[in-house]
Amino acid sequence: MAELAVVRVSLQLAWSLLSNRLIKRLNTGVPSDEALRKLLLDKFQRLHEELNSLRRKELVAAVSFMENGYELFLKDPVEAKKEFTKARDAAQMAFGVVAETSDKLLATKILLASAMHEFDDKIDTAISLSLKYVSRLNSLPEIVDTCGTYLRKGVGSRFGAIGSGKKLELLKGLSEINRNVWEFVKRNDPEFDETKWPSVRCADRLLQPVFELLPLRDCQELTRDDSGLGTPVAMAVCGKKLFVSRSSPNNQSLDNANSVEVIDLDAEKVTMLAGHSAVILALVAVGDRVFSGSYDRSVLVWDALTLSLVQKLGEHDGAVRSMVTNTTMLFTAGSDKVIKCWDLATLGCVITLSGHMFPISLLTFQHHLFSYAPGEGIRVWNVKTWNVISTIPDLGNVTSIQCSIQSKLFVHCGSDVKVFNLGSSKEEATLKNVGKVSLRFPRRKIIGFSGDNMYVHDLQTSKCLLNQALKFEKSIEVSLMHFSYDLGMLFLGGTVKDSREGIVVCL
């Protein structure tokens, strides 16, 4: 029944990254998988019936060839690739003859999934074909027209302009396809140049569907805390795993108290990593390792592949509140008012930076190291000489600091984001009413949340591009955001308003 995996994999865009795992599961004969077999078989049959009734014979053929390919996937990989080639040829023909753009989206999904399997041993070819198919899809007249409508509408009216029908589903499908191919390309070519992505050209504007259509995506609930472990405090992504820490529970004797929650985004499996004796305040991922800093003063190193504890680093003299990395160093800071600099290769402490008069709550890195202590302000450190090269006075109620490669510093204080020029250390602009939590987004954007209301600001023009309540299954108070550039996904942590349960969702 290996062919059943194609429905969930190829047609729902989990692609080849997920198919091998599902095929192996389905072939183990585990009784719990029987319901999955029946569900996927039923979906496959309905898809055939729908396409047949609409006389989509080319798409029917493409789906059938893919079905054959997955059936042969483990038995005869050579013959399986031949079937994927046939599926790609049939989908190529279908793309040219079907009239509905929704059918062209389906044909594109089959083209992409087939190419990824057919050329799994020639990854450059698979990437080149994937970008070619995405470029063709992104240039379809109806796609360009619908994206243009979305861009032209003003703040708060973009969703209304698209509506809840065909156009919305079209843009959701476009975003889904672009994001999945983005993930495939970034995974296999980490140095891929974002500027080469085939954007949608709308008159004098370029729209990058991976990022700019993110607000239109359906929100997916990953985990909800029904055991009293608290709300999400920190997040980090490593590969296809999301690492989450939660606030200290009222009852410290609860199972998994002060553990790192690991959500496998492929397997939809949750693992708890025990090791800290108090709430975990900071998480950061680099390579195949994840670092966790806790109120218990320690920093633990985890292997993201095996989910095992690698090492405990030397302790701070106070709670570890923030951590950040560059390519070679890990920086940790907290209540003891110092910054410890650790060599990622040896995991030894290289130097301890002192000078702050108050506990340090935030760190960030971009060419220089930035540290923030409430009541004192932001210090900018030269990591070659280890001295402070400039300071920015405390702005009050600072919840995050972020830096860009254009030498701009973004300081979130209250509900606003202040933009500083690092050359002069002077404020250049203020983005008003961004929300209680925010983060800098690719393509010069700032995303903010207040409750479940999402704001998008353009950093170049300082204009608000979007002010819209997202449609969650239940109303959520967003308190934490983490964006994975490689996955093209936004992860949100917060509480369900009516129950106060901690929850993690993604777009």
Protein backbone atom coordinates (compact mmCIF):
# COMPACT_ATOMS: atom_id res chain seq x y z
CA MET A 1 0.00 0.00 0.00
CA ALA A 2 2.96 2.29 -0.45
CA GLU A 3 1.06 4.18 -3.13
CA LEU A 4 -1.27 5.63 -0.49
CA ALA A 5 1.51 7.84 0.83
CA VAL A 6 1.41 9.94 -2.34
CA VAL A 7 -1.91 11.48 -1.35
CA ARG A 8 -0.66 12.81 1.91
CA VAL A 9 2.84 13.45 0.61
CA SER A 10 2.60 14.81 -2.90
CA LEU A 11 -0.89 16.23 -3.10
CA GLN A 12 -0.73 17.87 0.34
CA LEU A 13 2.85 18.98 -0.22
CA ALA A 14 4.87 17.13 2.38
CA TRP A 15 6.94 16.06 -0.64
CA SER A 16 9.72 13.52 -0.58
CA LEU A 17 10.98 14.83 2.75
CA LEU A 18 8.12 12.94 4.38
CA SER A 19 7.26 10.15 1.95
CA ASN A 20 10.03 7.68 2.86
CA ARG A 21 9.03 7.76 6.51
CA LEU A 22 5.34 7.23 5.76
CA ILE A 23 6.03 4.45 3.27
CA LYS A 24 8.09 2.58 5.85
CA ARG A 25 5.33 3.03 8.42
CA LEU A 26 2.65 1.76 6.07
CA ASN A 27 4.73 -1.28 5.16
CA THR A 28 5.34 -2.36 8.75
CA GLY A 29 1.75 -3.53 9.02
CA VAL A 30 1.21 -1.71 12.30
CA PRO A 31 -2.53 -2.14 13.15
CA SER A 32 -2.88 1.53 14.05
CA ASP A 33 -2.04 2.39 10.45
CA GLU A 34 -5.05 0.55 9.02
CA ALA A 35 -7.31 3.56 9.58
CA LEU A 36 -4.73 5.71 7.81
CA ARG A 37 -4.68 3.28 4.87
CA LYS A 38 -8.45 3.43 4.52
CA LEU A 39 -8.55 7.21 4.88
CA LEU A 40 -5.89 7.79 2.21
CA LEU A 41 -7.39 5.19 -0.14
CA ASP A 42 -10.78 6.86 0.17
CA LYS A 43 -9.23 10.24 -0.58
CA PHE A 44 -7.43 8.83 -3.62
CA GLN A 45 -10.67 7.34 -4.94
CA ARG A 46 -12.56 10.60 -4.44
CA LEU A 47 -9.81 12.49 -6.26
CA HIS A 48 -10.06 10.09 -9.21
CA GLU A 49 -13.86 10.38 -9.27
CA GLU A 50 -13.77 14.17 -9.16
CA LEU A 51 -11.20 14.43 -11.93
CA ASN A 52 -13.04 11.87 -14.07
CA SER A 53 -16.36 13.64 -13.66
CA LEU A 54 -14.75 16.86 -14.83
CA ARG A 55 -13.03 15.08 -17.73
CA ARG A 56 -9.56 15.87 -16.39
CA LYS A 57 -8.10 12.84 -18.13
CA GLU A 58 -4.54 14.23 -18.17
CA LEU A 59 -4.62 14.83 -14.42
CA VAL A 60 -6.15 11.38 -13.86
CA ALA A 61 -3.25 9.87 -15.79
CA ALA A 62 -0.67 11.88 -13.83
CA VAL A 63 -2.14 10.81 -10.49
CA SER A 64 -2.28 7.17 -11.65
CA PHE A 65 1.38 7.19 -12.67
CA MET A 66 2.33 8.67 -9.30
CA GLU A 67 0.27 5.98 -7.61
CA ASN A 68 2.23 3.36 -9.54
CA GLY A 69 5.50 5.05 -8.65
CA TYR A 70 4.83 4.87 -4.94
CA GLU A 71 3.65 1.28 -5.20
CA LEU A 72 7.02 0.38 -6.73
CA PHE A 73 9.03 2.75 -4.56
CA LEU A 74 10.48 0.07 -2.26
CA LYS A 75 10.08 -2.96 -4.51
CA ASP A 76 11.80 -1.62 -7.61
CA PRO A 77 13.24 1.93 -7.35
CA VAL A 78 14.32 1.92 -11.02
CA GLU A 79 10.81 1.18 -12.27
CA ALA A 80 9.39 3.63 -9.72
CA LYS A 81 11.44 6.44 -11.24
CA LYS A 82 10.07 5.54 -14.68
CA GLU A 83 6.55 5.95 -13.32
CA PHE A 84 7.46 9.31 -11.78
CA THR A 85 8.79 10.36 -15.19
CA LYS A 86 5.47 9.37 -16.76
CA ALA A 87 3.62 11.28 -14.04
CA ARG A 88 5.70 14.36 -14.75
CA ASP A 89 5.08 14.08 -18.50
CA ALA A 90 1.33 13.67 -17.96
CA ALA A 91 1.21 16.59 -15.51
CA GLN A 92 3.18 18.71 -17.98
CA MET A 93 0.56 18.00 -20.62
CA ALA A 94 -2.25 18.62 -18.16
CA PHE A 95 -0.82 22.00 -17.18
CA GLY A 96 -1.05 23.07 -20.82
CA VAL A 97 -4.60 21.91 -21.53
CA VAL A 98 -6.63 22.44 -18.34
CA ALA A 99 -8.40 25.78 -18.15
CA GLU A 100 -8.93 26.22 -14.41
CA THR A 101 -6.06 27.73 -12.45
CA SER A 102 -6.89 25.39 -9.56
CA ASP A 103 -6.19 22.46 -11.90
CA LYS A 104 -2.90 24.06 -12.88
CA LEU A 105 -2.01 24.21 -9.17
CA LEU A 106 -2.69 20.47 -8.86
CA ALA A 107 -0.66 19.76 -11.99
CA THR A 108 2.19 21.82 -10.55
CA LYS A 109 2.11 19.83 -7.31
CA ILE A 110 2.41 16.59 -9.29
CA LEU A 111 5.20 18.03 -11.44
CA LEU A 112 7.14 19.08 -8.38
CA ALA A 113 6.68 15.87 -6.39
CA SER A 114 7.55 13.77 -9.44
CA ALA A 115 10.70 15.76 -10.18
CA MET A 116 11.88 15.53 -6.57
CA HIS A 117 11.55 11.73 -6.64
CA GLU A 118 12.73 11.24 -10.21
CA PHE A 119 15.94 13.20 -9.64
CA ASP A 120 16.63 12.40 -6.00
CA ASP A 121 20.16 11.44 -7.05
CA LYS A 122 20.62 14.61 -9.13
CA ILE A 123 19.59 17.27 -6.68
CA ASP A 124 20.72 20.21 -8.83
CA THR A 125 18.37 19.03 -11.57
CA ALA A 126 15.51 18.62 -9.08
CA ILE A 127 16.06 22.15 -7.78
CA SER A 128 16.32 23.63 -11.27
CA LEU A 129 13.08 21.95 -12.41
CA SER A 130 11.28 22.93 -9.20
CA LEU A 131 12.19 26.59 -9.66
CA LYS A 132 11.11 26.38 -13.32
CA TYR A 133 7.68 24.98 -12.39
CA VAL A 134 7.19 27.53 -9.61
CA SER A 135 8.18 30.37 -11.95
CA ARG A 136 5.62 29.25 -14.52
CA LEU A 137 2.91 28.99 -11.89
CA ASN A 138 3.74 32.41 -10.41
CA SER A 139 3.44 34.04 -13.83
CA LEU A 140 -0.07 32.76 -14.67
CA PRO A 141 -2.39 35.72 -15.51
CA GLU A 142 -4.99 34.84 -12.86
CA ILE A 143 -2.25 34.46 -10.24
CA VAL A 144 -0.73 37.83 -11.18
CA ASP A 145 -4.15 39.52 -11.22
CA THR A 146 -5.21 38.10 -7.84
CA CYS A 147 -1.87 38.99 -6.22
CA GLY A 148 -2.16 42.49 -7.68
CA THR A 149 -5.60 42.89 -6.12
CA TYR A 150 -4.21 41.79 -2.77
CA LEU A 151 -1.34 44.27 -2.96
CA ARG A 152 -3.43 47.24 -4.10
CA LYS A 153 -5.88 47.15 -1.22
CA GLY A 154 -5.23 49.25 1.84
CA VAL A 155 -4.61 48.38 5.47
CA GLY A 156 -7.28 46.14 6.95
CA SER A 157 -9.03 45.48 3.62
CA ARG A 158 -6.71 42.97 1.98
CA PHE A 159 -8.57 39.94 3.31
CA GLY A 160 -11.89 41.49 2.34
CA ALA A 161 -10.66 42.15 -1.19
CA ILE A 162 -9.76 38.49 -1.62
CA GLY A 163 -12.86 37.15 0.13
CA SER A 164 -13.42 33.62 1.37
CA GLY A 165 -13.93 31.88 -1.96
CA LYS A 166 -11.96 31.04 -5.05
CA LYS A 167 -9.39 33.86 -4.87
CA LEU A 168 -8.49 33.14 -1.25
CA GLU A 169 -8.06 29.42 -1.96
CA LEU A 170 -5.96 30.31 -4.99
CA LEU A 171 -3.54 32.43 -2.94
CA LYS A 172 -3.44 29.84 -0.15
CA GLY A 173 -2.48 27.18 -2.69
CA LEU A 174 0.12 29.48 -4.22
CA SER A 175 1.65 30.19 -0.80
CA GLU A 176 1.62 26.49 0.11
CA ILE A 177 3.42 25.42 -3.08
CA ASN A 178 6.02 28.20 -2.88
CA ARG A 179 6.74 27.54 0.80
CA ASN A 180 7.22 23.81 0.36
CA VAL A 181 9.53 24.26 -2.61
CA TRP A 182 11.40 26.95 -0.66
CA GLU A 183 11.96 24.44 2.14
CA PHE A 184 13.12 21.80 -0.37
CA VAL A 185 15.58 24.22 -2.01
CA LYS A 186 16.93 25.63 1.28
CA ARG A 187 17.40 22.16 2.73
CA ASN A 188 19.45 21.01 -0.25
CA ASP A 189 21.15 24.34 -1.02
CA PRO A 190 21.51 26.31 2.25
CA GLU A 191 23.34 29.13 0.45
CA PHE A 192 20.54 29.68 -2.08
CA ASP A 193 20.22 33.35 -3.03
CA GLU A 194 16.74 34.59 -2.07
CA THR A 195 16.83 37.24 -4.82
CA LYS A 196 16.73 34.44 -7.42
CA TRP A 197 13.35 33.22 -6.21
CA PRO A 198 10.68 33.51 -8.97
CA SER A 199 8.46 36.22 -7.47
CA VAL A 200 5.09 37.30 -8.82
CA ARG A 201 5.44 40.47 -10.91
CA CYS A 202 2.45 42.75 -10.31
CA ALA A 203 2.88 45.95 -12.36
CA ASP A 204 5.72 47.79 -10.56
CA ARG A 205 5.71 45.48 -7.50
CA LEU A 206 7.24 42.08 -6.87
CA LEU A 207 5.41 39.76 -4.47
CA GLN A 208 7.35 36.89 -2.90
CA PRO A 209 4.67 34.28 -2.06
CA VAL A 210 6.78 32.43 0.52
CA PHE A 211 6.78 35.41 2.87
CA GLU A 212 4.24 38.00 1.72
CA LEU A 213 1.25 35.63 1.58
CA LEU A 214 2.00 34.18 5.00
CA PRO A 215 -0.99 35.99 6.64
CA LEU A 216 -3.35 34.08 4.32
CA ARG A 217 -2.20 30.63 5.39
CA ASP A 218 -4.38 28.41 7.51
CA CYS A 219 -3.25 28.28 11.12
CA GLN A 220 -2.21 24.82 12.31
CA GLU A 221 -2.31 23.90 15.99
CA LEU A 222 0.82 21.98 16.99
CA THR A 223 0.37 21.42 20.72
CA ARG A 224 -1.90 22.61 23.49
CA ASP A 225 -0.97 22.36 27.16
CA ASP A 226 -3.70 20.63 29.13
CA SER A 227 -1.44 19.49 31.97
CA GLY A 228 -0.61 22.81 33.60
CA LEU A 229 2.92 23.22 32.24
CA GLY A 230 2.25 26.85 31.37
CA THR A 231 2.57 29.16 28.37
CA PRO A 232 5.45 29.07 25.84
CA VAL A 233 8.49 31.10 26.93
CA ALA A 234 11.10 30.41 24.23
CA MET A 235 11.35 28.66 20.86
CA ALA A 236 14.04 27.40 18.49
CA VAL A 237 13.90 25.43 15.24
CA CYS A 238 16.49 22.82 14.28
CA GLY A 239 15.85 20.92 11.05
CA LYS A 240 12.19 19.87 11.11
CA LYS A 241 11.93 20.00 14.90
CA LEU A 242 10.51 22.84 16.99
CA PHE A 243 11.94 23.17 20.52
CA VAL A 244 9.69 24.92 23.06
CA SER A 245 10.02 25.80 26.73
CA ARG A 246 7.09 26.70 28.96
CA SER A 247 6.57 28.89 32.01
CA SER A 248 7.05 27.38 35.44
CA PRO A 249 4.02 25.33 36.53
CA ASN A 250 2.30 25.95 39.82
CA ASN A 251 2.96 22.35 40.79
CA GLN A 252 6.67 21.57 40.30
CA SER A 253 5.96 17.86 40.85
CA LEU A 254 4.12 17.62 37.54
CA ASP A 255 5.58 15.22 35.00
CA ASN A 256 7.79 17.02 32.47
CA ALA A 257 8.03 20.19 34.57
CA ASN A 258 10.94 22.34 33.31
CA SER A 259 11.46 20.09 30.28
CA VAL A 260 12.14 21.09 26.69
CA GLU A 261 9.18 20.18 24.49
CA VAL A 262 10.30 18.91 21.06
CA ILE A 263 7.69 18.87 18.29
CA ASP A 264 8.64 16.77 15.27
CA LEU A 265 7.00 18.68 12.41
CA ASP A 266 7.11 15.65 10.10
CA ALA A 267 6.01 12.88 12.44
CA GLU A 268 3.62 15.05 14.49
CA LYS A 269 5.30 13.58 17.56
CA VAL A 270 6.15 15.33 20.83
CA THR A 271 9.16 14.43 23.01
CA MET A 272 10.02 15.94 26.39
CA LEU A 273 13.68 16.50 27.32
CA ALA A 274 14.33 16.56 31.06
CA GLY A 275 17.49 18.04 32.54
CA HIS A 276 16.79 21.46 34.03
CA SER A 277 15.55 21.94 37.58
CA ALA A 278 13.82 25.29 36.94
CA VAL A 279 11.97 27.05 34.13
CA ILE A 280 13.86 27.34 30.83
CA LEU A 281 14.10 30.99 29.78
CA ALA A 282 16.07 30.78 26.52
CA LEU A 283 16.60 28.43 23.57
CA VAL A 284 18.87 28.73 20.55
CA ALA A 285 19.76 26.31 17.74
CA VAL A 286 22.95 26.11 15.69
CA GLY A 287 23.93 23.24 13.40
CA ASP A 288 22.61 20.00 14.90
CA ARG A 289 22.68 21.33 18.46
CA VAL A 290 20.19 23.15 20.64
CA PHE A 291 21.20 25.14 23.74
CA SER A 292 18.84 25.77 26.64
CA GLY A 293 19.36 28.35 29.37
CA SER A 294 17.44 28.17 32.63
CA TYR A 295 16.54 29.93 35.82
CA ASP A 296 18.60 27.16 37.47
CA ARG A 297 21.71 29.06 36.17
CA SER A 298 22.81 26.30 33.79
CA VAL A 299 23.16 25.97 30.01
CA LEU A 300 22.53 22.50 28.57
CA VAL A 301 23.57 21.28 25.12
CA TRP A 302 21.23 18.89 23.26
CA ASP A 303 21.78 16.81 20.12
CA ALA A 304 18.84 17.71 17.85
CA LEU A 305 19.06 14.45 15.91
CA THR A 306 19.14 11.97 18.80
CA LEU A 307 17.45 14.29 21.35
CA SER A 308 20.09 13.35 23.89
CA LEU A 309 21.92 15.56 26.37
CA VAL A 310 25.43 16.29 25.11
CA GLN A 311 26.93 18.42 27.86
CA LYS A 312 26.28 20.88 30.65
CA LEU A 313 28.20 24.11 30.26
CA GLY A 314 29.69 25.98 33.20
CA GLU A 315 27.10 27.82 35.24
CA HIS A 316 26.29 31.51 35.51
CA ASP A 317 25.90 33.05 38.95
CA GLY A 318 22.28 33.85 38.15
CA ALA A 319 19.41 32.89 35.88
CA VAL A 320 20.32 32.53 32.19
CA ARG A 321 17.80 34.83 30.50
CA SER A 322 19.04 35.18 26.92
CA MET A 323 21.28 33.43 24.40
CA VAL A 324 22.41 34.08 20.84
CA THR A 325 24.95 32.58 18.43
CA ASN A 326 27.06 33.55 15.46
CA THR A 327 28.95 31.07 13.26
CA THR A 328 31.58 30.25 15.88
CA MET A 329 30.38 31.47 19.28
CA LEU A 330 27.53 31.06 21.75
CA PHE A 331 26.76 34.08 23.95
CA THR A 332 24.80 33.68 27.20
CA ALA A 333 23.70 36.31 29.70
CA GLY A 334 21.32 36.86 32.59
CA SER A 335 20.84 37.94 36.16
CA ASP A 336 24.54 37.94 37.07
CA LYS A 337 25.06 40.98 34.76
CA VAL A 338 27.76 39.30 32.65
CA ILE A 339 27.98 37.79 29.16
CA LYS A 340 29.77 34.47 28.77
CA CYS A 341 31.24 33.70 25.33
CA TRP A 342 31.53 30.01 24.47
CA ASP A 343 33.45 28.44 21.58
CA LEU A 344 31.00 26.27 19.61
CA ALA A 345 33.72 23.84 18.58
CA THR A 346 35.14 23.13 22.04
CA LEU A 347 32.18 24.30 24.18
CA GLY A 348 34.71 26.07 26.38
CA CYS A 349 34.25 29.59 27.77
CA VAL A 350 36.50 31.99 25.85
CA ILE A 351 35.82 35.18 27.78
CA THR A 352 33.38 36.73 30.24
CA LEU A 353 32.23 40.27 29.44
CA SER A 354 31.36 42.52 32.36
CA GLY A 355 30.28 46.13 32.62
CA HIS A 356 26.50 46.03 32.86
CA MET A 357 25.19 47.37 36.18
CA PHE A 358 21.81 45.61 35.94
CA PRO A 359 20.66 42.07 35.00
CA ILE A 360 20.80 41.43 31.24
CA SER A 361 17.51 40.34 29.66
CA LEU A 362 18.19 40.40 25.89
CA LEU A 363 20.98 39.52 23.47
CA THR A 364 21.15 39.66 19.69
CA PHE A 365 23.91 39.40 17.11
CA GLN A 366 24.56 40.86 13.66
CA HIS A 367 28.23 41.63 13.00
CA HIS A 368 28.33 43.01 16.56
CA LEU A 369 26.93 41.70 19.84
CA PHE A 370 24.03 43.67 21.36
CA SER A 371 23.03 43.36 25.02
CA TYR A 372 20.15 45.02 26.85
CA ALA A 373 19.73 45.56 30.59
CA PRO A 374 16.45 47.14 31.80
CA GLY A 375 17.12 50.49 33.43
CA GLU A 376 20.50 50.79 31.74
CA GLY A 377 20.05 50.46 27.97
CA ILE A 378 21.70 48.70 25.04
CA ARG A 379 25.43 48.07 24.69
CA VAL A 380 27.08 47.31 21.35
CA TRP A 381 30.15 45.06 21.64
CA ASN A 382 32.95 44.51 19.15
CA VAL A 383 33.53 40.74 19.24
CA LYS A 384 37.09 41.06 17.96
CA THR A 385 38.31 43.46 20.62
CA TRP A 386 35.61 42.64 23.21
CA ASN A 387 35.00 46.29 24.03
CA VAL A 388 31.84 48.42 23.99
CA ILE A 389 31.76 50.62 20.88
CA SER A 390 28.45 52.44 21.48
CA THR A 391 25.43 52.59 23.76
CA ILE A 392 21.75 53.42 23.39
CA PRO A 393 19.93 54.74 26.48
CA ASP A 394 17.09 52.68 27.95
CA LEU A 395 13.78 53.35 26.20
CA GLY A 396 11.66 51.60 28.82
CA ASN A 397 9.63 48.39 28.51
CA VAL A 398 11.95 46.89 25.85
CA THR A 399 10.81 43.37 24.94
CA SER A 400 13.06 42.60 21.96
CA ILE A 401 16.04 43.95 20.03
CA GLN A 402 16.89 42.91 16.49
CA CYS A 403 19.47 44.01 13.97
CA SER A 404 19.61 43.98 10.17
CA ILE A 405 22.50 43.80 7.76
CA GLN A 406 21.72 47.39 6.75
CA SER A 407 23.12 48.57 10.13
CA LYS A 408 19.67 49.22 11.53
CA LEU A 409 18.67 48.30 15.07
CA PHE A 410 15.01 47.60 15.84
CA VAL A 411 13.97 48.08 19.45
CA HIS A 412 10.49 46.94 20.46
CA CYS A 413 9.24 48.97 23.41
CA GLY A 414 5.62 49.09 24.49
CA SER A 415 3.56 48.64 21.33
CA ASP A 416 6.02 50.51 19.08
CA VAL A 417 9.23 49.62 17.26
CA LYS A 418 11.96 52.25 17.17
CA VAL A 419 14.53 52.10 14.35
CA PHE A 420 18.09 53.25 15.11
CA ASN A 421 21.00 53.97 12.77
CA LEU A 422 23.95 52.14 14.27
CA GLY A 423 26.43 54.46 12.63
CA SER A 424 25.12 57.48 14.51
CA SER A 425 23.25 55.66 17.31
CA LYS A 426 20.34 57.99 16.54
CA GLU A 427 16.67 57.12 16.13
CA GLU A 428 15.54 57.27 12.50
CA ALA A 429 11.90 56.20 12.66
CA THR A 430 9.16 54.85 14.88
CA LEU A 431 6.65 52.24 13.75
CA LYS A 432 3.50 52.89 15.77
CA ASN A 433 1.13 50.25 17.13
CA VAL A 434 3.08 47.22 15.96
CA GLY A 435 1.73 45.12 18.81
CA LYS A 436 2.95 43.65 22.08
CA VAL A 437 5.29 41.17 20.37
CA SER A 438 7.11 41.59 17.08
CA LEU A 439 9.93 40.28 14.93
CA ARG A 440 11.81 41.42 11.86
CA PHE A 441 10.72 39.59 8.76
CA PRO A 442 12.47 38.95 5.43
CA ARG A 443 12.13 41.56 2.70
CA ARG A 444 12.24 44.53 5.08
CA LYS A 445 9.10 43.77 7.02
CA ILE A 446 8.15 43.81 10.70
CA ILE A 447 5.40 41.47 11.90
CA GLY A 448 3.65 42.25 15.16
CA PHE A 449 0.84 40.75 17.23
CA SER A 450 -1.53 42.18 19.77
CA GLY A 451 -3.84 39.45 20.99
CA ASP A 452 -4.63 37.58 17.77
CA ASN A 453 -4.41 40.71 15.64
CA MET A 454 -1.54 40.69 13.13
CA TYR A 455 0.28 43.80 11.90
CA VAL A 456 2.76 44.00 9.03
CA HIS A 457 4.90 47.14 8.59
CA ASP A 458 7.23 48.06 5.75
CA LEU A 459 10.61 49.12 7.13
CA GLN A 460 11.51 51.10 4.01
CA THR A 461 8.43 53.31 4.06
CA SER A 462 7.45 52.95 7.77
CA LYS A 463 3.90 52.26 6.56
CA CYS A 464 1.50 49.70 7.98
CA LEU A 465 0.69 47.18 5.24
CA LEU A 466 -1.71 44.95 7.14
CA ASN A 467 -3.86 45.16 10.25
CA GLN A 468 -5.92 42.02 10.42
CA ALA A 469 -7.24 39.54 12.98
CA LEU A 470 -6.15 36.03 12.04
CA LYS A 471 -8.77 33.32 12.11
CA PHE A 472 -7.78 30.78 14.72
CA GLU A 473 -10.05 27.94 15.77
CA LYS A 474 -10.16 29.61 19.19
CA SER A 475 -9.15 33.13 20.15
CA ILE A 476 -5.47 33.25 21.12
CA GLU A 477 -3.40 35.80 23.01
CA VAL A 478 -0.06 35.64 21.16
CA SER A 479 2.91 36.24 23.46
CA LEU A 480 5.82 34.70 21.55
CA MET A 481 6.90 34.48 17.90
CA HIS A 482 9.67 32.61 16.11
CA PHE A 483 10.24 32.69 12.37
CA SER A 484 12.15 29.90 10.61
CA TYR A 485 13.74 31.37 7.50
CA ASP A 486 14.72 27.96 6.10
CA LEU A 487 11.24 26.49 6.53
CA GLY A 488 9.40 29.70 5.64
CA MET A 489 7.12 29.17 8.65
CA LEU A 490 6.01 31.41 11.49
CA PHE A 491 5.53 29.77 14.90
CA LEU A 492 3.35 31.44 17.53
CA GLY A 493 3.08 30.73 21.23
CA GLY A 494 0.45 32.05 23.60
CA THR A 495 -2.67 31.19 25.56
CA VAL A 496 -6.21 30.25 24.61
CA LYS A 497 -8.27 33.17 25.91
CA ASP A 498 -11.21 31.24 27.31
CA SER A 499 -9.17 28.52 29.06
CA ARG A 500 -5.73 30.13 29.55
CA GLU A 501 -4.13 26.94 28.22
CA GLY A 502 -0.70 27.35 26.68
CA ILE A 503 -0.74 26.73 22.93
CA VAL A 504 1.72 26.53 20.00
CA VAL A 505 0.52 27.12 16.43
CA CYS A 506 2.16 27.77 13.08
CA LEU A 507 1.49 29.58 9.81
